[in-house]
Amino acid sequence: MQQEPAPIGRHLRVREDRGHTVLEFRGEIDIAAALEIVPHLDRATGREHPRVVIDLRQVEFFDCSGLRLLYRARSRVLDHDGQLRLVCVHPLTLRIMKVTGLHRLLPPHATLDAALGQSEATSGSL
């Protein structure tokens, strides 16, 4: 059952959807936004067997602070034997992910439905 997003702050909404915690990043994801997001990201990725989707469709700007958030989420999810999926369509963000190689570790999906329907075998694991 889908739950309406709970606004956490200017840069984050959190909701549950089909057994996943969806973290919807919003606006400009820079160092200030990262400080707002980290506690909620850690809460979502710190449980046993977390199932997390990070949705970047509402992001207008994404710098290295945003990349650090994605790497942090991936590392924590793998440490807790979970799954992490990513939704991203912004061309510049996709380019940053490709240049850094993150797109190979965390393949982006164009829609939330595509990310939630992804096979269990390809959910951001090594």
N, C-alpha and C. Protein backbone atom coordinates (compact mmCIF):
# COMPACT_ATOMS: atom_id res chain seq x y z
N MET A 1 0.84 -1.18 0.00
CA MET A 1 0.00 0.00 0.00
C MET A 1 0.88 1.24 0.00
N GLN A 2 0.56 2.19 -0.85
CA GLN A 2 1.34 3.41 -0.97
C GLN A 2 0.89 4.42 0.07
N GLN A 3 1.86 5.07 0.68
CA GLN A 3 1.58 6.07 1.69
C GLN A 3 2.00 7.44 1.15
N GLU A 4 1.26 8.48 1.47
CA GLU A 4 1.62 9.82 1.02
C GLU A 4 2.96 10.22 1.59
N PRO A 5 3.77 10.97 0.80
CA PRO A 5 5.08 11.40 1.29
C PRO A 5 4.96 12.28 2.52
N ALA A 6 5.85 12.03 3.47
CA ALA A 6 5.93 12.89 4.65
C ALA A 6 7.05 13.89 4.42
N PRO A 7 6.74 15.19 4.35
CA PRO A 7 7.81 16.15 4.13
C PRO A 7 8.70 16.21 5.37
N ILE A 8 9.97 15.97 5.17
CA ILE A 8 10.94 15.98 6.25
C ILE A 8 11.59 17.36 6.34
N GLY A 9 11.74 17.99 5.23
CA GLY A 9 12.36 19.31 5.12
C GLY A 9 12.25 19.74 3.68
N ARG A 10 13.00 20.76 3.34
CA ARG A 10 12.97 21.27 1.96
C ARG A 10 13.47 20.26 0.96
N HIS A 11 14.37 19.37 1.38
CA HIS A 11 15.08 18.52 0.43
C HIS A 11 14.72 17.04 0.47
N LEU A 12 13.76 16.67 1.29
CA LEU A 12 13.47 15.24 1.44
C LEU A 12 12.02 14.98 1.80
N ARG A 13 11.46 13.97 1.15
CA ARG A 13 10.17 13.39 1.53
C ARG A 13 10.39 11.89 1.66
N VAL A 14 9.73 11.29 2.63
CA VAL A 14 9.88 9.85 2.89
C VAL A 14 8.51 9.22 2.89
N ARG A 15 8.41 8.04 2.26
CA ARG A 15 7.15 7.30 2.27
C ARG A 15 7.45 5.82 2.11
N GLU A 16 6.48 5.00 2.37
CA GLU A 16 6.57 3.56 2.14
C GLU A 16 5.76 3.24 0.90
N ASP A 17 6.32 2.39 0.04
CA ASP A 17 5.63 1.99 -1.18
C ASP A 17 6.05 0.56 -1.53
N ARG A 18 5.09 -0.34 -1.56
CA ARG A 18 5.32 -1.74 -1.94
C ARG A 18 6.47 -2.38 -1.19
N GLY A 19 6.51 -2.14 0.11
CA GLY A 19 7.52 -2.76 0.95
C GLY A 19 8.88 -2.09 0.92
N HIS A 20 8.98 -0.94 0.29
CA HIS A 20 10.23 -0.18 0.21
C HIS A 20 10.06 1.17 0.90
N THR A 21 11.14 1.65 1.49
CA THR A 21 11.18 3.03 1.96
C THR A 21 11.67 3.87 0.79
N VAL A 22 10.87 4.83 0.37
CA VAL A 22 11.22 5.71 -0.75
C VAL A 22 11.67 7.04 -0.18
N LEU A 23 12.92 7.39 -0.47
CA LEU A 23 13.48 8.68 -0.09
C LEU A 23 13.49 9.55 -1.34
N GLU A 24 12.64 10.55 -1.37
CA GLU A 24 12.54 11.43 -2.52
C GLU A 24 13.34 12.69 -2.23
N PHE A 25 14.51 12.79 -2.89
CA PHE A 25 15.33 13.98 -2.76
C PHE A 25 14.71 15.07 -3.63
N ARG A 26 14.77 16.34 -3.14
CA ARG A 26 14.12 17.43 -3.85
C ARG A 26 15.03 18.66 -3.90
N GLY A 27 14.93 19.40 -4.99
CA GLY A 27 15.63 20.68 -5.09
C GLY A 27 17.12 20.54 -5.35
N GLU A 28 17.89 21.34 -4.66
CA GLU A 28 19.34 21.35 -4.83
C GLU A 28 19.99 20.47 -3.77
N ILE A 29 20.66 19.43 -4.23
CA ILE A 29 21.33 18.50 -3.30
C ILE A 29 22.80 18.90 -3.24
N ASP A 30 23.09 19.70 -2.22
CA ASP A 30 24.44 20.17 -1.97
C ASP A 30 24.80 19.85 -0.52
N ILE A 31 25.85 20.44 0.00
CA ILE A 31 26.30 20.08 1.34
C ILE A 31 25.25 20.41 2.41
N ALA A 32 24.53 21.52 2.26
CA ALA A 32 23.49 21.88 3.22
C ALA A 32 22.34 20.87 3.19
N ALA A 33 21.93 20.48 2.00
CA ALA A 33 20.86 19.49 1.85
C ALA A 33 21.32 18.14 2.41
N ALA A 34 22.57 17.78 2.16
CA ALA A 34 23.09 16.50 2.64
C ALA A 34 23.02 16.43 4.17
N LEU A 35 23.32 17.53 4.84
CA LEU A 35 23.25 17.56 6.31
C LEU A 35 21.82 17.30 6.79
N GLU A 36 20.84 17.78 6.05
CA GLU A 36 19.43 17.56 6.37
C GLU A 36 19.03 16.11 6.11
N ILE A 37 19.58 15.52 5.05
CA ILE A 37 19.15 14.20 4.58
C ILE A 37 19.81 13.05 5.35
N VAL A 38 21.08 13.20 5.75
CA VAL A 38 21.85 12.08 6.32
C VAL A 38 21.15 11.36 7.46
N PRO A 39 20.59 12.03 8.45
CA PRO A 39 19.96 11.27 9.55
C PRO A 39 18.81 10.37 9.07
N HIS A 40 18.04 10.85 8.11
CA HIS A 40 16.91 10.08 7.59
C HIS A 40 17.39 8.94 6.70
N LEU A 41 18.43 9.20 5.93
CA LEU A 41 19.04 8.18 5.10
C LEU A 41 19.61 7.06 5.98
N ASP A 42 20.30 7.44 7.05
CA ASP A 42 20.87 6.45 7.95
C ASP A 42 19.79 5.63 8.65
N ARG A 43 18.69 6.26 9.00
CA ARG A 43 17.59 5.53 9.64
C ARG A 43 17.01 4.50 8.67
N ALA A 44 16.82 4.89 7.42
CA ALA A 44 16.23 3.99 6.42
C ALA A 44 17.17 2.86 6.04
N THR A 45 18.47 3.11 6.05
CA THR A 45 19.44 2.10 5.60
C THR A 45 20.08 1.33 6.74
N GLY A 46 19.77 1.68 7.97
CA GLY A 46 20.42 1.07 9.12
C GLY A 46 19.73 -0.15 9.70
N ARG A 47 18.55 -0.49 9.23
CA ARG A 47 17.85 -1.68 9.74
C ARG A 47 18.36 -2.93 9.04
N GLU A 48 17.98 -4.06 9.56
CA GLU A 48 18.32 -5.32 8.90
C GLU A 48 17.47 -5.48 7.65
N HIS A 49 18.10 -5.88 6.57
CA HIS A 49 17.45 -6.14 5.28
C HIS A 49 16.63 -4.94 4.78
N PRO A 50 17.21 -3.76 4.76
CA PRO A 50 16.45 -2.60 4.28
C PRO A 50 16.14 -2.70 2.79
N ARG A 51 15.00 -2.21 2.42
CA ARG A 51 14.60 -2.11 1.01
C ARG A 51 14.32 -0.65 0.75
N VAL A 52 15.27 0.00 0.06
CA VAL A 52 15.24 1.45 -0.08
C VAL A 52 15.28 1.84 -1.56
N VAL A 53 14.50 2.86 -1.90
CA VAL A 53 14.56 3.48 -3.22
C VAL A 53 14.88 4.96 -2.99
N ILE A 54 15.90 5.44 -3.69
CA ILE A 54 16.19 6.88 -3.69
C ILE A 54 15.69 7.42 -5.02
N ASP A 55 14.78 8.38 -4.91
CA ASP A 55 14.14 8.96 -6.09
C ASP A 55 14.69 10.37 -6.30
N LEU A 56 15.41 10.56 -7.41
CA LEU A 56 16.04 11.84 -7.71
C LEU A 56 15.28 12.65 -8.77
N ARG A 57 14.08 12.26 -9.11
CA ARG A 57 13.36 12.94 -10.20
C ARG A 57 13.06 14.40 -9.90
N GLN A 58 12.96 14.79 -8.63
CA GLN A 58 12.65 16.17 -8.26
C GLN A 58 13.90 16.99 -7.95
N VAL A 59 15.08 16.45 -8.29
CA VAL A 59 16.34 17.14 -8.03
C VAL A 59 16.67 18.07 -9.19
N GLU A 60 17.04 19.31 -8.84
CA GLU A 60 17.41 20.31 -9.84
C GLU A 60 18.92 20.47 -9.96
N PHE A 61 19.64 20.18 -8.88
CA PHE A 61 21.09 20.33 -8.84
C PHE A 61 21.63 19.22 -7.96
N PHE A 62 22.76 18.63 -8.37
CA PHE A 62 23.31 17.47 -7.68
C PHE A 62 24.82 17.56 -7.75
N ASP A 63 25.48 17.75 -6.61
CA ASP A 63 26.94 17.85 -6.62
C ASP A 63 27.56 16.66 -5.91
N CYS A 64 28.83 16.78 -5.56
CA CYS A 64 29.54 15.65 -4.93
C CYS A 64 28.93 15.26 -3.59
N SER A 65 28.25 16.18 -2.93
CA SER A 65 27.56 15.84 -1.68
C SER A 65 26.45 14.83 -1.95
N GLY A 66 25.77 14.99 -3.07
CA GLY A 66 24.74 14.03 -3.46
C GLY A 66 25.34 12.68 -3.78
N LEU A 67 26.48 12.67 -4.47
CA LEU A 67 27.17 11.41 -4.76
C LEU A 67 27.55 10.70 -3.47
N ARG A 68 28.06 11.47 -2.51
CA ARG A 68 28.42 10.86 -1.21
C ARG A 68 27.21 10.24 -0.54
N LEU A 69 26.05 10.88 -0.65
CA LEU A 69 24.83 10.31 -0.08
C LEU A 69 24.50 8.97 -0.73
N LEU A 70 24.62 8.89 -2.05
CA LEU A 70 24.32 7.64 -2.75
C LEU A 70 25.31 6.54 -2.38
N TYR A 71 26.60 6.87 -2.32
CA TYR A 71 27.60 5.88 -1.92
C TYR A 71 27.37 5.43 -0.48
N ARG A 72 27.05 6.38 0.39
CA ARG A 72 26.77 6.05 1.80
C ARG A 72 25.58 5.10 1.89
N ALA A 73 24.51 5.42 1.17
CA ALA A 73 23.31 4.57 1.20
C ALA A 73 23.63 3.17 0.69
N ARG A 74 24.37 3.10 -0.40
CA ARG A 74 24.71 1.79 -0.98
C ARG A 74 25.53 0.96 -0.01
N SER A 75 26.53 1.58 0.59
CA SER A 75 27.39 0.87 1.53
C SER A 75 26.60 0.36 2.73
N ARG A 76 25.76 1.21 3.30
CA ARG A 76 24.97 0.81 4.47
C ARG A 76 23.97 -0.30 4.13
N VAL A 77 23.33 -0.20 2.98
CA VAL A 77 22.36 -1.22 2.58
C VAL A 77 23.06 -2.56 2.38
N LEU A 78 24.22 -2.55 1.73
CA LEU A 78 24.95 -3.80 1.52
C LEU A 78 25.42 -4.38 2.86
N ASP A 79 25.85 -3.52 3.79
CA ASP A 79 26.27 -3.98 5.12
C ASP A 79 25.13 -4.64 5.88
N HIS A 80 23.90 -4.25 5.60
CA HIS A 80 22.73 -4.79 6.29
C HIS A 80 21.95 -5.77 5.43
N ASP A 81 22.61 -6.30 4.38
CA ASP A 81 22.01 -7.32 3.52
C ASP A 81 20.66 -6.87 2.96
N GLY A 82 20.67 -5.66 2.40
CA GLY A 82 19.43 -5.11 1.87
C GLY A 82 19.49 -4.84 0.39
N GLN A 83 18.57 -4.01 -0.06
CA GLN A 83 18.44 -3.64 -1.47
C GLN A 83 18.34 -2.13 -1.58
N LEU A 84 19.02 -1.59 -2.58
CA LEU A 84 18.93 -0.17 -2.87
C LEU A 84 18.68 0.00 -4.35
N ARG A 85 17.71 0.82 -4.67
CA ARG A 85 17.37 1.11 -6.06
C ARG A 85 17.33 2.62 -6.23
N LEU A 86 17.54 3.05 -7.46
CA LEU A 86 17.65 4.47 -7.75
C LEU A 86 16.74 4.85 -8.91
N VAL A 87 16.07 6.00 -8.78
CA VAL A 87 15.28 6.57 -9.87
C VAL A 87 15.93 7.91 -10.22
N CYS A 88 16.31 8.06 -11.49
CA CYS A 88 16.97 9.29 -11.92
C CYS A 88 16.76 9.49 -13.42
N VAL A 89 16.37 10.72 -13.79
CA VAL A 89 16.18 11.03 -15.21
C VAL A 89 16.91 12.30 -15.64
N HIS A 90 17.43 13.06 -14.70
CA HIS A 90 18.07 14.33 -15.04
C HIS A 90 19.38 14.08 -15.78
N PRO A 91 19.54 14.64 -16.99
CA PRO A 91 20.72 14.34 -17.81
C PRO A 91 22.06 14.67 -17.14
N LEU A 92 22.13 15.78 -16.42
CA LEU A 92 23.41 16.13 -15.78
C LEU A 92 23.74 15.21 -14.62
N THR A 93 22.73 14.83 -13.85
CA THR A 93 22.96 13.89 -12.76
C THR A 93 23.37 12.53 -13.31
N LEU A 94 22.71 12.09 -14.37
CA LEU A 94 23.09 10.83 -15.01
C LEU A 94 24.52 10.89 -15.54
N ARG A 95 24.90 12.04 -16.06
CA ARG A 95 26.27 12.20 -16.57
C ARG A 95 27.29 12.10 -15.44
N ILE A 96 27.01 12.75 -14.31
CA ILE A 96 27.91 12.66 -13.15
C ILE A 96 28.04 11.20 -12.71
N MET A 97 26.93 10.49 -12.69
CA MET A 97 26.96 9.09 -12.28
C MET A 97 27.78 8.25 -13.25
N LYS A 98 27.67 8.56 -14.53
CA LYS A 98 28.42 7.80 -15.52
C LYS A 98 29.92 8.09 -15.42
N VAL A 99 30.28 9.36 -15.29
CA VAL A 99 31.69 9.75 -15.19
C VAL A 99 32.35 9.11 -13.96
N THR A 100 31.62 9.03 -12.85
CA THR A 100 32.18 8.46 -11.62
C THR A 100 32.07 6.93 -11.57
N GLY A 101 31.32 6.35 -12.47
CA GLY A 101 31.14 4.90 -12.48
C GLY A 101 30.02 4.42 -11.56
N LEU A 102 29.37 5.33 -10.87
CA LEU A 102 28.30 4.94 -9.95
C LEU A 102 27.14 4.27 -10.68
N HIS A 103 26.92 4.60 -11.94
CA HIS A 103 25.81 4.00 -12.69
C HIS A 103 25.97 2.48 -12.82
N ARG A 104 27.22 1.99 -12.74
CA ARG A 104 27.43 0.53 -12.79
C ARG A 104 27.09 -0.14 -11.47
N LEU A 105 27.34 0.56 -10.37
CA LEU A 105 27.05 0.01 -9.05
C LEU A 105 25.60 0.18 -8.64
N LEU A 106 24.98 1.21 -9.16
CA LEU A 106 23.61 1.55 -8.80
C LEU A 106 22.88 2.00 -10.06
N PRO A 107 22.45 1.06 -10.89
CA PRO A 107 21.83 1.40 -12.18
C PRO A 107 20.56 2.24 -11.98
N PRO A 108 20.48 3.38 -12.63
CA PRO A 108 19.30 4.23 -12.48
C PRO A 108 18.12 3.74 -13.30
N HIS A 109 16.93 3.97 -12.78
CA HIS A 109 15.67 3.67 -13.46
C HIS A 109 14.97 4.97 -13.79
N ALA A 110 14.17 4.98 -14.82
CA ALA A 110 13.48 6.19 -15.26
C ALA A 110 12.20 6.46 -14.46
N THR A 111 11.63 5.43 -13.86
CA THR A 111 10.38 5.60 -13.11
C THR A 111 10.44 4.84 -11.80
N LEU A 112 9.60 5.26 -10.88
CA LEU A 112 9.50 4.56 -9.60
C LEU A 112 8.96 3.15 -9.82
N ASP A 113 7.99 3.01 -10.70
CA ASP A 113 7.45 1.67 -10.99
C ASP A 113 8.53 0.74 -11.50
N ALA A 114 9.41 1.24 -12.36
CA ALA A 114 10.50 0.40 -12.88
C ALA A 114 11.44 -0.01 -11.76
N ALA A 115 11.76 0.90 -10.86
CA ALA A 115 12.66 0.58 -9.75
C ALA A 115 12.02 -0.43 -8.80
N LEU A 116 10.75 -0.27 -8.51
CA LEU A 116 10.07 -1.18 -7.58
C LEU A 116 9.80 -2.54 -8.21
N GLY A 117 9.74 -2.59 -9.54
CA GLY A 117 9.50 -3.85 -10.22
C GLY A 117 10.76 -4.60 -10.58
N GLN A 118 11.92 -4.02 -10.26
CA GLN A 118 13.22 -4.60 -10.62
C GLN A 118 13.42 -5.94 -9.93
N SER A 119 14.07 -6.84 -10.63
CA SER A 119 14.40 -8.16 -10.09
C SER A 119 15.24 -8.05 -8.84
N GLU A 120 15.00 -8.91 -7.88
CA GLU A 120 15.76 -8.95 -6.63
C GLU A 120 17.24 -9.16 -6.88
N ALA A 121 17.60 -9.82 -7.96
CA ALA A 121 19.00 -10.18 -8.23
C ALA A 121 19.84 -8.99 -8.66
N THR A 122 19.21 -7.88 -9.05
CA THR A 122 19.98 -6.75 -9.56
C THR A 122 19.62 -5.47 -8.81
N SER A 123 19.78 -5.48 -7.52
CA SER A 123 19.34 -4.33 -6.72
C SER A 123 20.51 -3.58 -6.10
N GLY A 124 21.55 -3.33 -6.85
CA GLY A 124 22.65 -2.54 -6.35
C GLY A 124 23.66 -3.33 -5.57
N SER A 125 23.66 -4.64 -5.71
CA SER A 125 24.64 -5.47 -5.00
C SER A 125 25.92 -5.56 -5.81
N LEU A 126 26.96 -6.08 -5.19
CA LEU A 126 28.26 -6.17 -5.87
C LEU A 126 28.22 -7.18 -6.92
